[in-house]
N, C-alpha and C. Protein backbone atom coordinates (compact mmCIF):
# COMPACT_ATOMS: atom_id res chain seq x y z
N ILE A 1 12.74 44.23 0.34
CA ILE A 1 12.03 45.19 1.19
C ILE A 1 10.80 45.72 0.47
N ALA A 2 10.96 46.02 -0.84
CA ALA A 2 9.82 46.52 -1.61
C ALA A 2 8.71 45.48 -1.66
N THR A 3 9.08 44.21 -1.83
CA THR A 3 8.08 43.15 -1.87
C THR A 3 7.34 43.03 -0.55
N LEU A 4 8.07 43.07 0.56
CA LEU A 4 7.43 42.97 1.87
C LEU A 4 6.49 44.15 2.10
N ASP A 5 6.90 45.34 1.66
CA ASP A 5 6.03 46.51 1.82
C ASP A 5 4.73 46.33 1.04
N ILE A 6 4.83 45.76 -0.16
CA ILE A 6 3.63 45.55 -0.98
C ILE A 6 2.72 44.50 -0.34
N LEU A 7 3.31 43.44 0.19
CA LEU A 7 2.51 42.43 0.87
C LEU A 7 1.78 43.03 2.07
N ASP A 8 2.49 43.87 2.83
CA ASP A 8 1.85 44.53 3.97
C ASP A 8 0.67 45.40 3.50
N GLU A 9 0.88 46.15 2.42
CA GLU A 9 -0.18 47.02 1.90
C GLU A 9 -1.40 46.21 1.47
N ALA A 10 -1.16 45.00 1.00
CA ALA A 10 -2.26 44.14 0.55
C ALA A 10 -2.88 43.35 1.70
N GLY A 11 -2.32 43.49 2.90
CA GLY A 11 -2.87 42.77 4.04
C GLY A 11 -2.48 41.31 4.07
N LEU A 12 -1.36 40.96 3.43
CA LEU A 12 -0.90 39.57 3.38
C LEU A 12 0.29 39.37 4.32
N GLY A 13 0.26 38.29 5.07
CA GLY A 13 1.38 37.97 5.94
C GLY A 13 2.53 37.39 5.14
N HIS A 14 3.70 37.33 5.75
CA HIS A 14 4.89 36.79 5.07
C HIS A 14 5.88 36.30 6.12
N ALA A 15 6.69 35.34 5.71
CA ALA A 15 7.71 34.79 6.61
C ALA A 15 8.91 34.38 5.79
N GLY A 16 10.07 34.37 6.43
CA GLY A 16 11.29 33.92 5.76
C GLY A 16 12.22 35.04 5.33
N THR A 17 11.68 36.21 5.04
CA THR A 17 12.51 37.38 4.73
C THR A 17 12.10 38.52 5.66
N ALA A 18 13.02 39.45 5.86
CA ALA A 18 12.76 40.47 6.88
C ALA A 18 13.46 41.77 6.57
N ARG A 19 12.95 42.85 7.15
CA ARG A 19 13.53 44.18 7.00
C ARG A 19 14.39 44.58 8.17
N THR A 20 14.17 43.91 9.31
CA THR A 20 14.92 44.23 10.52
C THR A 20 15.27 42.92 11.24
N PRO A 21 16.28 42.93 12.10
CA PRO A 21 16.59 41.73 12.89
C PRO A 21 15.42 41.30 13.76
N GLU A 22 14.67 42.26 14.27
CA GLU A 22 13.53 41.92 15.12
C GLU A 22 12.45 41.19 14.32
N GLU A 23 12.21 41.64 13.11
CA GLU A 23 11.24 40.98 12.25
C GLU A 23 11.71 39.57 11.89
N ALA A 24 13.01 39.43 11.67
CA ALA A 24 13.57 38.13 11.29
C ALA A 24 13.48 37.12 12.42
N ALA A 25 13.51 37.58 13.66
CA ALA A 25 13.57 36.67 14.80
C ALA A 25 12.22 36.13 15.23
N ALA A 26 11.14 36.65 14.64
CA ALA A 26 9.81 36.29 15.10
C ALA A 26 9.04 35.54 14.03
N ALA A 27 8.23 34.58 14.47
CA ALA A 27 7.31 33.91 13.56
C ALA A 27 6.18 34.87 13.18
N THR A 28 5.49 34.55 12.08
CA THR A 28 4.34 35.34 11.65
C THR A 28 3.08 34.68 12.20
N PHE A 29 2.21 35.46 12.81
CA PHE A 29 1.02 34.92 13.46
C PHE A 29 -0.25 35.20 12.65
N TYR A 30 -1.17 34.23 12.68
CA TYR A 30 -2.47 34.36 12.03
C TYR A 30 -3.55 33.92 13.01
N GLU A 31 -4.60 34.72 13.09
CA GLU A 31 -5.74 34.36 13.94
C GLU A 31 -6.83 33.75 13.06
N THR A 32 -7.33 32.59 13.47
CA THR A 32 -8.42 31.94 12.75
C THR A 32 -9.64 31.88 13.67
N ALA A 33 -10.72 31.28 13.17
CA ALA A 33 -11.90 31.09 14.01
C ALA A 33 -11.63 30.08 15.11
N GLY A 34 -10.53 29.31 14.97
CA GLY A 34 -10.15 28.35 15.99
C GLY A 34 -8.78 28.65 16.55
N PRO A 35 -7.75 27.94 16.08
CA PRO A 35 -6.41 28.09 16.65
C PRO A 35 -5.68 29.34 16.16
N THR A 36 -4.73 29.79 16.97
CA THR A 36 -3.76 30.79 16.54
C THR A 36 -2.61 30.05 15.87
N VAL A 37 -2.28 30.46 14.64
CA VAL A 37 -1.30 29.74 13.83
C VAL A 37 -0.06 30.60 13.65
N ALA A 38 1.11 30.01 13.88
CA ALA A 38 2.38 30.70 13.64
C ALA A 38 3.05 30.07 12.43
N HIS A 39 3.69 30.90 11.62
CA HIS A 39 4.34 30.43 10.38
C HIS A 39 5.82 30.82 10.41
N ILE A 40 6.67 29.84 10.09
CA ILE A 40 8.12 30.03 10.00
C ILE A 40 8.56 29.53 8.63
N ALA A 41 9.48 30.21 7.98
CA ALA A 41 9.94 29.78 6.66
C ALA A 41 11.45 29.91 6.56
N ALA A 42 12.06 28.98 5.80
CA ALA A 42 13.51 29.00 5.62
C ALA A 42 13.87 28.41 4.26
N THR A 43 15.04 28.79 3.74
CA THR A 43 15.48 28.35 2.43
C THR A 43 16.91 27.83 2.48
N TYR A 44 17.23 26.96 1.52
CA TYR A 44 18.60 26.43 1.49
C TYR A 44 19.52 27.31 0.66
N TRP A 45 18.94 28.16 -0.24
CA TRP A 45 19.80 29.08 -0.99
C TRP A 45 18.95 30.19 -1.59
N LEU A 46 19.61 31.16 -2.24
CA LEU A 46 18.93 32.35 -2.76
C LEU A 46 19.16 32.51 -4.26
N ASN A 47 19.09 31.39 -4.98
CA ASN A 47 19.29 31.41 -6.44
C ASN A 47 20.62 32.05 -6.84
N GLY A 48 21.66 31.75 -6.06
CA GLY A 48 22.99 32.26 -6.38
C GLY A 48 23.26 33.66 -5.87
N LEU A 49 22.25 34.30 -5.29
CA LEU A 49 22.43 35.65 -4.74
C LEU A 49 22.82 35.54 -3.27
N GLY A 50 23.06 36.67 -2.66
CA GLY A 50 23.42 36.69 -1.25
C GLY A 50 22.77 37.87 -0.55
N THR A 51 22.72 37.79 0.76
CA THR A 51 22.21 38.92 1.53
C THR A 51 23.32 39.96 1.68
N PRO A 52 22.96 41.22 1.90
CA PRO A 52 23.98 42.25 2.11
C PRO A 52 24.91 41.88 3.27
N GLU A 53 26.15 42.25 3.16
CA GLU A 53 27.12 41.93 4.20
C GLU A 53 26.65 42.48 5.55
N GLY A 54 26.69 41.61 6.54
CA GLY A 54 26.26 42.00 7.87
C GLY A 54 24.77 41.95 8.09
N LYS A 55 24.01 41.57 7.05
CA LYS A 55 22.55 41.50 7.16
C LYS A 55 22.04 40.13 6.74
N GLU A 56 22.74 39.11 7.18
CA GLU A 56 22.35 37.75 6.83
C GLU A 56 20.95 37.41 7.33
N TRP A 57 20.49 38.10 8.34
CA TRP A 57 19.16 37.87 8.89
C TRP A 57 18.04 38.22 7.91
N MET A 58 18.35 38.92 6.83
CA MET A 58 17.29 39.32 5.88
C MET A 58 16.63 38.13 5.22
N ALA A 59 17.32 36.98 5.14
CA ALA A 59 16.74 35.77 4.57
C ALA A 59 17.03 34.61 5.51
N GLN A 60 15.99 33.97 5.97
CA GLN A 60 16.14 32.85 6.91
C GLN A 60 16.66 31.62 6.18
N ARG A 61 17.84 31.13 6.58
CA ARG A 61 18.39 29.91 5.99
C ARG A 61 17.97 28.69 6.82
N ILE A 62 18.07 27.51 6.20
CA ILE A 62 17.69 26.30 6.90
C ILE A 62 18.71 25.99 7.99
N ASP A 63 18.27 26.09 9.21
CA ASP A 63 19.05 25.77 10.41
C ASP A 63 18.05 25.17 11.37
N VAL A 64 18.07 23.84 11.50
CA VAL A 64 17.05 23.16 12.28
C VAL A 64 16.98 23.69 13.70
N GLU A 65 18.13 23.88 14.32
CA GLU A 65 18.14 24.37 15.70
C GLU A 65 17.47 25.74 15.80
N ALA A 66 17.78 26.63 14.84
CA ALA A 66 17.18 27.97 14.86
C ALA A 66 15.68 27.92 14.59
N ILE A 67 15.26 27.05 13.66
CA ILE A 67 13.84 26.92 13.36
C ILE A 67 13.08 26.42 14.59
N LEU A 68 13.62 25.43 15.26
CA LEU A 68 12.94 24.88 16.43
C LEU A 68 12.92 25.88 17.59
N GLU A 69 13.96 26.68 17.68
CA GLU A 69 13.96 27.73 18.70
C GLU A 69 12.85 28.75 18.43
N MET A 70 12.67 29.10 17.13
CA MET A 70 11.58 30.01 16.77
C MET A 70 10.23 29.37 17.04
N ALA A 71 10.12 28.07 16.77
CA ALA A 71 8.86 27.37 17.01
C ALA A 71 8.51 27.38 18.50
N TRP A 72 9.51 27.13 19.35
CA TRP A 72 9.29 27.17 20.79
C TRP A 72 8.92 28.58 21.23
N GLY A 73 9.58 29.57 20.64
CA GLY A 73 9.23 30.95 20.97
C GLY A 73 7.81 31.28 20.57
N ALA A 74 7.37 30.78 19.40
CA ALA A 74 6.00 31.02 18.96
C ALA A 74 4.99 30.39 19.92
N ARG A 75 5.32 29.21 20.44
CA ARG A 75 4.45 28.57 21.42
C ARG A 75 4.32 29.43 22.67
N ARG A 76 5.45 29.94 23.13
CA ARG A 76 5.44 30.77 24.34
C ARG A 76 4.59 32.03 24.13
N GLU A 77 4.54 32.50 22.87
CA GLU A 77 3.79 33.72 22.57
C GLU A 77 2.32 33.44 22.25
N GLY A 78 1.90 32.18 22.35
CA GLY A 78 0.48 31.88 22.21
C GLY A 78 0.06 31.11 20.99
N ALA A 79 0.99 30.62 20.19
CA ALA A 79 0.62 29.85 19.00
C ALA A 79 0.06 28.49 19.40
N ASP A 80 -1.08 28.12 18.81
CA ASP A 80 -1.65 26.80 19.02
C ASP A 80 -1.11 25.79 18.02
N LEU A 81 -0.78 26.26 16.82
CA LEU A 81 -0.21 25.42 15.77
C LEU A 81 0.97 26.16 15.15
N VAL A 82 2.02 25.43 14.82
CA VAL A 82 3.19 26.02 14.18
C VAL A 82 3.41 25.32 12.83
N VAL A 83 3.43 26.11 11.77
CA VAL A 83 3.67 25.62 10.41
C VAL A 83 5.04 26.06 9.96
N VAL A 84 5.83 25.14 9.40
CA VAL A 84 7.17 25.47 8.89
C VAL A 84 7.19 25.22 7.39
N SER A 85 7.57 26.24 6.63
CA SER A 85 7.76 26.11 5.18
C SER A 85 9.24 25.99 4.89
N ILE A 86 9.59 24.99 4.07
CA ILE A 86 10.99 24.75 3.73
C ILE A 86 11.17 24.79 2.22
N HIS A 87 12.10 25.64 1.77
CA HIS A 87 12.45 25.74 0.35
C HIS A 87 13.76 24.99 0.16
N CYS A 88 13.67 23.79 -0.47
CA CYS A 88 14.89 23.00 -0.60
C CYS A 88 14.77 21.90 -1.65
N CYS A 89 15.89 21.32 -1.90
CA CYS A 89 16.02 20.02 -2.56
C CYS A 89 15.99 20.11 -4.08
N THR A 90 15.35 19.19 -4.80
CA THR A 90 15.57 19.03 -6.23
C THR A 90 14.41 19.54 -7.06
N GLU A 91 14.71 20.38 -8.05
CA GLU A 91 13.69 20.92 -8.93
C GLU A 91 13.12 19.85 -9.85
N TYR A 92 11.81 20.01 -10.15
CA TYR A 92 11.09 19.17 -11.12
C TYR A 92 11.09 17.69 -10.74
N ARG A 93 11.18 17.40 -9.47
CA ARG A 93 11.12 16.04 -8.96
C ARG A 93 10.00 15.96 -7.93
N SER A 94 8.99 15.15 -8.21
CA SER A 94 7.87 15.01 -7.30
C SER A 94 8.24 14.22 -6.07
N GLU A 95 9.02 13.17 -6.24
CA GLU A 95 9.44 12.33 -5.13
C GLU A 95 10.47 13.07 -4.28
N PRO A 96 10.25 13.18 -2.96
CA PRO A 96 11.23 13.88 -2.12
C PRO A 96 12.55 13.14 -2.07
N THR A 97 13.63 13.90 -1.94
CA THR A 97 14.95 13.28 -1.81
C THR A 97 15.13 12.73 -0.40
N SER A 98 16.14 11.90 -0.21
CA SER A 98 16.40 11.36 1.13
C SER A 98 16.76 12.46 2.11
N ASP A 99 17.48 13.49 1.62
CA ASP A 99 17.81 14.62 2.50
C ASP A 99 16.56 15.37 2.93
N GLN A 100 15.62 15.55 1.99
CA GLN A 100 14.39 16.25 2.31
C GLN A 100 13.56 15.45 3.31
N VAL A 101 13.47 14.14 3.10
CA VAL A 101 12.72 13.30 4.02
C VAL A 101 13.33 13.39 5.43
N GLU A 102 14.64 13.31 5.51
CA GLU A 102 15.31 13.37 6.82
C GLU A 102 15.05 14.71 7.50
N LEU A 103 15.14 15.80 6.74
CA LEU A 103 14.92 17.14 7.29
C LEU A 103 13.48 17.30 7.77
N PHE A 104 12.53 16.91 6.92
CA PHE A 104 11.12 17.09 7.27
C PHE A 104 10.74 16.23 8.47
N GLU A 105 11.29 15.02 8.54
CA GLU A 105 11.00 14.16 9.69
C GLU A 105 11.56 14.75 10.97
N GLU A 106 12.76 15.30 10.89
CA GLU A 106 13.35 15.91 12.09
C GLU A 106 12.49 17.07 12.60
N LEU A 107 11.93 17.83 11.67
CA LEU A 107 11.10 18.97 12.07
C LEU A 107 9.76 18.51 12.63
N ILE A 108 9.07 17.63 11.90
CA ILE A 108 7.71 17.27 12.31
C ILE A 108 7.72 16.43 13.58
N GLU A 109 8.80 15.74 13.85
CA GLU A 109 8.87 14.93 15.07
C GLU A 109 9.11 15.77 16.32
N ASN A 110 9.44 17.05 16.14
CA ASN A 110 9.57 17.93 17.29
C ASN A 110 8.19 18.34 17.78
N PRO A 111 7.95 18.37 19.09
CA PRO A 111 6.61 18.66 19.60
C PRO A 111 6.12 20.07 19.33
N TRP A 112 7.01 20.97 18.94
CA TRP A 112 6.58 22.35 18.71
C TRP A 112 6.16 22.60 17.28
N VAL A 113 6.35 21.64 16.39
CA VAL A 113 6.01 21.80 14.96
C VAL A 113 4.83 20.90 14.62
N ASP A 114 3.81 21.47 13.95
CA ASP A 114 2.59 20.74 13.65
C ASP A 114 2.39 20.41 12.18
N LEU A 115 3.08 21.10 11.30
CA LEU A 115 2.94 20.86 9.86
C LEU A 115 4.20 21.37 9.17
N VAL A 116 4.71 20.60 8.20
CA VAL A 116 5.86 21.04 7.40
C VAL A 116 5.44 21.02 5.93
N VAL A 117 5.74 22.11 5.23
CA VAL A 117 5.34 22.25 3.83
C VAL A 117 6.57 22.53 2.98
N GLY A 118 6.70 21.80 1.87
CA GLY A 118 7.87 21.93 1.01
C GLY A 118 7.63 22.77 -0.22
N HIS A 119 8.70 23.43 -0.67
CA HIS A 119 8.69 24.24 -1.88
C HIS A 119 10.01 24.01 -2.62
N HIS A 120 10.09 24.58 -3.81
CA HIS A 120 11.29 24.60 -4.65
C HIS A 120 11.26 23.59 -5.79
N SER A 121 10.58 22.47 -5.63
CA SER A 121 10.59 21.48 -6.71
C SER A 121 9.79 21.96 -7.92
N HIS A 122 8.86 22.90 -7.73
CA HIS A 122 8.01 23.44 -8.80
C HIS A 122 6.98 22.45 -9.31
N VAL A 123 6.93 21.25 -8.74
CA VAL A 123 5.91 20.27 -9.10
C VAL A 123 5.26 19.74 -7.82
N VAL A 124 4.06 19.22 -7.96
CA VAL A 124 3.32 18.75 -6.79
C VAL A 124 3.95 17.46 -6.27
N GLY A 125 4.11 17.40 -4.94
CA GLY A 125 4.68 16.22 -4.29
C GLY A 125 3.68 15.57 -3.37
N PRO A 126 4.03 14.43 -2.80
CA PRO A 126 3.09 13.68 -1.96
C PRO A 126 2.92 14.27 -0.57
N VAL A 127 1.83 13.86 0.05
CA VAL A 127 1.58 14.13 1.47
C VAL A 127 1.97 12.88 2.24
N ALA A 128 2.70 13.05 3.34
CA ALA A 128 3.08 11.92 4.18
C ALA A 128 2.53 12.14 5.59
N GLU A 129 2.18 11.05 6.23
CA GLU A 129 1.75 11.09 7.62
C GLU A 129 2.81 10.41 8.48
N ILE A 130 3.33 11.14 9.45
CA ILE A 130 4.41 10.64 10.30
C ILE A 130 3.98 10.74 11.75
N ASP A 131 3.75 9.59 12.37
CA ASP A 131 3.31 9.56 13.77
C ASP A 131 2.10 10.44 14.01
N GLY A 132 1.15 10.38 13.07
CA GLY A 132 -0.09 11.12 13.24
C GLY A 132 -0.03 12.57 12.84
N GLU A 133 1.10 13.02 12.32
CA GLU A 133 1.24 14.40 11.85
C GLU A 133 1.57 14.40 10.36
N TYR A 134 1.45 15.57 9.72
CA TYR A 134 1.52 15.61 8.27
C TYR A 134 2.66 16.48 7.76
N VAL A 135 3.22 16.05 6.63
CA VAL A 135 4.13 16.89 5.85
C VAL A 135 3.64 16.88 4.41
N ILE A 136 3.79 18.02 3.74
CA ILE A 136 3.43 18.15 2.33
C ILE A 136 4.73 18.44 1.59
N TYR A 137 5.16 17.52 0.75
CA TYR A 137 6.49 17.64 0.18
C TYR A 137 6.60 18.65 -0.96
N GLY A 138 5.50 19.02 -1.60
CA GLY A 138 5.62 20.00 -2.67
C GLY A 138 4.27 20.53 -3.10
N LEU A 139 4.11 21.86 -3.12
CA LEU A 139 2.85 22.48 -3.52
C LEU A 139 2.82 22.85 -5.00
N GLY A 140 3.88 22.51 -5.76
CA GLY A 140 3.90 22.89 -7.16
C GLY A 140 4.12 24.39 -7.31
N ASN A 141 3.60 24.95 -8.39
CA ASN A 141 3.73 26.38 -8.65
C ASN A 141 2.39 27.07 -8.55
N LEU A 142 2.40 28.28 -8.01
CA LEU A 142 1.19 29.11 -7.95
C LEU A 142 1.47 30.38 -8.75
N VAL A 143 2.04 31.38 -8.13
CA VAL A 143 2.43 32.59 -8.86
C VAL A 143 3.75 32.29 -9.56
N SER A 144 3.70 32.06 -10.86
CA SER A 144 4.89 31.56 -11.55
C SER A 144 4.83 31.87 -13.03
N GLY A 145 6.02 32.07 -13.62
CA GLY A 145 6.12 32.21 -15.06
C GLY A 145 6.72 30.99 -15.72
N GLN A 146 6.77 29.87 -15.01
CA GLN A 146 7.38 28.65 -15.54
C GLN A 146 6.37 27.88 -16.38
N THR A 147 6.20 28.33 -17.60
CA THR A 147 5.21 27.70 -18.48
C THR A 147 5.86 26.75 -19.48
N HIS A 148 7.16 26.45 -19.32
CA HIS A 148 7.85 25.60 -20.28
C HIS A 148 7.57 24.13 -20.03
N ARG A 149 6.96 23.79 -18.89
CA ARG A 149 6.64 22.41 -18.57
C ARG A 149 5.20 22.33 -18.08
N GLN A 150 4.49 21.32 -18.52
CA GLN A 150 3.12 21.14 -18.07
C GLN A 150 3.05 20.98 -16.56
N ASP A 151 3.91 20.13 -15.99
CA ASP A 151 3.80 19.88 -14.55
C ASP A 151 4.19 21.08 -13.71
N ALA A 152 4.99 22.00 -14.28
CA ALA A 152 5.37 23.21 -13.53
C ALA A 152 4.29 24.28 -13.60
N ARG A 153 3.23 24.03 -14.34
CA ARG A 153 2.10 24.96 -14.38
C ARG A 153 1.00 24.51 -13.42
N GLU A 154 1.23 23.38 -12.78
CA GLU A 154 0.23 22.82 -11.89
C GLU A 154 0.64 23.06 -10.43
N GLY A 155 -0.34 23.31 -9.59
CA GLY A 155 -0.05 23.60 -8.20
C GLY A 155 -1.22 23.26 -7.30
N VAL A 156 -1.07 23.64 -6.04
CA VAL A 156 -2.05 23.29 -5.02
C VAL A 156 -2.23 24.45 -4.05
N VAL A 157 -3.46 24.76 -3.73
CA VAL A 157 -3.76 25.54 -2.53
C VAL A 157 -4.15 24.52 -1.47
N ALA A 158 -3.28 24.32 -0.50
CA ALA A 158 -3.55 23.33 0.55
C ALA A 158 -4.51 23.90 1.58
N ILE A 159 -5.47 23.09 1.98
CA ILE A 159 -6.41 23.45 3.05
C ILE A 159 -6.25 22.41 4.14
N VAL A 160 -5.78 22.84 5.27
CA VAL A 160 -5.45 21.92 6.36
C VAL A 160 -6.50 22.03 7.46
N ASP A 161 -7.05 20.90 7.84
CA ASP A 161 -8.03 20.86 8.92
C ASP A 161 -7.32 20.64 10.26
N ALA A 162 -7.87 21.24 11.31
CA ALA A 162 -7.31 21.08 12.65
C ALA A 162 -8.44 20.90 13.64
N GLY A 163 -8.17 20.19 14.71
CA GLY A 163 -9.19 19.97 15.74
C GLY A 163 -8.59 19.99 17.12
N TRP A 164 -9.43 20.23 18.10
CA TRP A 164 -9.04 20.26 19.50
C TRP A 164 -9.24 18.86 20.08
N ASP A 165 -8.19 18.27 20.63
CA ASP A 165 -8.29 16.89 21.12
C ASP A 165 -8.54 16.81 22.63
N GLY A 166 -8.86 17.95 23.21
CA GLY A 166 -9.09 18.00 24.65
C GLY A 166 -7.91 18.55 25.42
N ARG A 167 -6.73 18.54 24.78
CA ARG A 167 -5.52 19.09 25.41
C ARG A 167 -4.87 20.15 24.55
N ARG A 168 -4.93 19.97 23.24
CA ARG A 168 -4.25 20.89 22.34
C ARG A 168 -4.86 20.78 20.95
N TRP A 169 -4.53 21.75 20.10
CA TRP A 169 -4.93 21.69 18.70
C TRP A 169 -3.98 20.76 17.94
N ARG A 170 -4.55 19.99 17.00
CA ARG A 170 -3.76 19.10 16.15
C ARG A 170 -4.25 19.17 14.72
N VAL A 171 -3.34 19.00 13.77
CA VAL A 171 -3.73 18.88 12.37
C VAL A 171 -4.38 17.52 12.19
N THR A 172 -5.58 17.50 11.59
CA THR A 172 -6.35 16.27 11.46
C THR A 172 -6.47 15.77 10.02
N GLY A 173 -6.11 16.59 9.05
CA GLY A 173 -6.22 16.15 7.67
C GLY A 173 -5.80 17.24 6.70
N VAL A 174 -5.58 16.83 5.46
CA VAL A 174 -5.12 17.75 4.42
C VAL A 174 -6.07 17.67 3.23
N GLY A 175 -6.50 18.82 2.76
CA GLY A 175 -7.29 18.93 1.54
C GLY A 175 -6.56 19.79 0.54
N ALA A 176 -7.07 19.85 -0.69
CA ALA A 176 -6.34 20.58 -1.73
C ALA A 176 -7.28 21.12 -2.79
N VAL A 177 -6.97 22.33 -3.25
CA VAL A 177 -7.60 22.88 -4.45
C VAL A 177 -6.55 22.85 -5.56
N PRO A 178 -6.66 21.95 -6.53
CA PRO A 178 -5.69 21.93 -7.64
C PRO A 178 -5.82 23.19 -8.49
N THR A 179 -4.69 23.70 -8.94
CA THR A 179 -4.67 24.92 -9.75
C THR A 179 -3.82 24.73 -10.99
N PHE A 180 -3.99 25.64 -11.96
CA PHE A 180 -3.21 25.62 -13.19
C PHE A 180 -2.91 27.05 -13.60
N VAL A 181 -1.65 27.33 -14.00
CA VAL A 181 -1.24 28.66 -14.41
C VAL A 181 -1.40 28.78 -15.92
N GLU A 182 -2.26 29.69 -16.37
CA GLU A 182 -2.47 29.89 -17.80
C GLU A 182 -1.20 30.47 -18.45
N GLY A 183 -0.98 30.11 -19.70
CA GLY A 183 0.26 30.45 -20.37
C GLY A 183 0.42 31.92 -20.71
N ARG A 184 -0.61 32.58 -21.17
CA ARG A 184 -0.47 33.97 -21.61
C ARG A 184 -0.82 34.98 -20.52
N THR A 185 -1.87 34.68 -19.79
CA THR A 185 -2.33 35.64 -18.77
C THR A 185 -1.68 35.40 -17.41
N TYR A 186 -1.12 34.20 -17.19
CA TYR A 186 -0.59 33.77 -15.90
C TYR A 186 -1.66 33.77 -14.82
N ALA A 187 -2.92 33.71 -15.26
CA ALA A 187 -4.02 33.58 -14.31
C ALA A 187 -3.93 32.21 -13.62
N ILE A 188 -4.31 32.18 -12.36
CA ILE A 188 -4.29 30.93 -11.58
C ILE A 188 -5.71 30.38 -11.58
N VAL A 189 -5.91 29.26 -12.26
CA VAL A 189 -7.26 28.74 -12.50
C VAL A 189 -7.49 27.48 -11.68
N PRO A 190 -8.46 27.50 -10.75
CA PRO A 190 -8.79 26.27 -10.01
C PRO A 190 -9.32 25.21 -10.98
N GLN A 191 -9.02 23.95 -10.67
CA GLN A 191 -9.38 22.86 -11.56
C GLN A 191 -10.54 22.04 -10.98
N ALA A 192 -11.49 21.72 -11.84
CA ALA A 192 -12.67 20.98 -11.42
C ALA A 192 -12.31 19.51 -11.16
N PRO A 193 -13.02 18.87 -10.25
CA PRO A 193 -12.79 17.44 -10.01
C PRO A 193 -12.94 16.64 -11.31
N GLY A 194 -12.02 15.71 -11.52
CA GLY A 194 -12.08 14.88 -12.70
C GLY A 194 -11.35 15.42 -13.90
N SER A 195 -10.93 16.70 -13.86
CA SER A 195 -10.16 17.24 -14.98
C SER A 195 -8.77 16.60 -15.01
N PRO A 196 -8.12 16.59 -16.18
CA PRO A 196 -6.79 15.96 -16.25
C PRO A 196 -5.79 16.54 -15.23
N VAL A 197 -5.79 17.88 -15.08
CA VAL A 197 -4.86 18.49 -14.12
C VAL A 197 -5.21 18.07 -12.69
N ALA A 198 -6.50 18.10 -12.36
CA ALA A 198 -6.92 17.70 -11.02
C ALA A 198 -6.58 16.25 -10.74
N GLU A 199 -6.76 15.40 -11.72
CA GLU A 199 -6.45 13.98 -11.52
C GLU A 199 -4.96 13.77 -11.27
N ARG A 200 -4.11 14.44 -12.06
CA ARG A 200 -2.67 14.32 -11.85
C ARG A 200 -2.26 14.87 -10.49
N THR A 201 -2.81 16.02 -10.16
CA THR A 201 -2.44 16.68 -8.90
C THR A 201 -2.85 15.84 -7.70
N MET A 202 -4.09 15.39 -7.69
CA MET A 202 -4.56 14.60 -6.55
C MET A 202 -3.83 13.26 -6.48
N GLY A 203 -3.45 12.72 -7.64
CA GLY A 203 -2.67 11.49 -7.66
C GLY A 203 -1.29 11.68 -7.05
N ALA A 204 -0.65 12.82 -7.37
CA ALA A 204 0.67 13.11 -6.81
C ALA A 204 0.59 13.32 -5.30
N LEU A 205 -0.43 14.04 -4.84
CA LEU A 205 -0.59 14.28 -3.40
C LEU A 205 -0.83 12.98 -2.64
N GLY A 206 -1.57 12.07 -3.25
CA GLY A 206 -1.94 10.84 -2.57
C GLY A 206 -1.03 9.66 -2.86
N ALA A 207 0.15 9.93 -3.43
CA ALA A 207 1.05 8.85 -3.84
C ALA A 207 1.49 7.95 -2.70
N TYR A 208 1.49 8.46 -1.46
CA TYR A 208 1.92 7.66 -0.31
C TYR A 208 0.74 7.02 0.42
N GLY A 209 -0.44 7.12 -0.16
CA GLY A 209 -1.60 6.49 0.44
C GLY A 209 -2.30 7.30 1.51
N VAL A 210 -1.87 8.53 1.73
CA VAL A 210 -2.53 9.39 2.72
C VAL A 210 -3.76 10.01 2.07
N PRO A 211 -4.93 9.90 2.68
CA PRO A 211 -6.14 10.49 2.09
C PRO A 211 -6.02 12.01 1.99
N VAL A 212 -6.22 12.54 0.78
CA VAL A 212 -6.24 13.98 0.55
C VAL A 212 -7.53 14.28 -0.22
N THR A 213 -8.36 15.14 0.32
CA THR A 213 -9.66 15.44 -0.27
C THR A 213 -9.56 16.65 -1.17
N GLN A 214 -10.13 16.54 -2.39
CA GLN A 214 -10.18 17.74 -3.24
C GLN A 214 -11.24 18.68 -2.70
N ARG A 215 -10.86 19.93 -2.52
CA ARG A 215 -11.74 20.94 -1.94
C ARG A 215 -12.08 21.99 -2.98
N SER A 216 -13.04 22.85 -2.64
CA SER A 216 -13.50 23.88 -3.57
C SER A 216 -12.86 25.22 -3.24
N VAL A 217 -12.97 26.15 -4.19
CA VAL A 217 -12.43 27.49 -3.99
C VAL A 217 -13.11 28.16 -2.80
N GLU A 218 -14.39 27.89 -2.60
CA GLU A 218 -15.11 28.50 -1.49
C GLU A 218 -14.49 28.14 -0.14
N ASP A 219 -13.88 26.95 -0.05
CA ASP A 219 -13.26 26.53 1.20
C ASP A 219 -12.05 27.37 1.56
N ILE A 220 -11.40 27.99 0.55
CA ILE A 220 -10.20 28.80 0.82
C ILE A 220 -10.55 29.99 1.69
N ASN A 221 -11.73 30.55 1.50
CA ASN A 221 -12.12 31.76 2.23
C ASN A 221 -12.94 31.45 3.47
N ASP A 222 -13.07 30.17 3.82
CA ASP A 222 -13.83 29.79 5.00
C ASP A 222 -13.00 30.09 6.25
N PRO A 223 -13.43 31.00 7.11
CA PRO A 223 -12.62 31.36 8.29
C PRO A 223 -12.47 30.23 9.26
N ALA A 224 -13.27 29.18 9.18
CA ALA A 224 -13.16 28.05 10.09
C ALA A 224 -11.99 27.16 9.71
């Protein structure tokens, strides 16, 4: 609750955890210069912890039926694009597991979901294109104290392009700003094209042959 209050004070949206059942039942909405974007998030576990008895809604668990119901609800409320974040699977493994692939495919193949993004592995994973839609299997680490491994200090700010096809908004491509977490300051440092970190990161993202363009920090703040 304290974390959510701080995020609210900073003007940052959040999904996946909640202070009330009503907050838990709704997707988080973002207005852009183009589409209205809804965000849903779920996790497979809570690092061995649990929610208070009778308040299981405080943390959204992975339940495909429930996620898709929320996605459909977000559409009814005006979302043009629905993004689902999933925290699951195997730590320090760039290649997605078969369970992760099956889960992500089930989500992205539903007409109400437009992008699926993976977390938990702590290392950058590949981008896959499935029937013209995209999944990102791992964004690596951003805000993190995991400095014991080089690859766990590397991460991605994903920049997703979308376009209007005459009937609806669709995700048209994925770009990335490679980042690195400094060891002492924990500062998040964008990486220049051609740097060793950027080369490894872009290689991991493009491992499945899907074109991923390295983008600049300025693109992160572009309202378009």
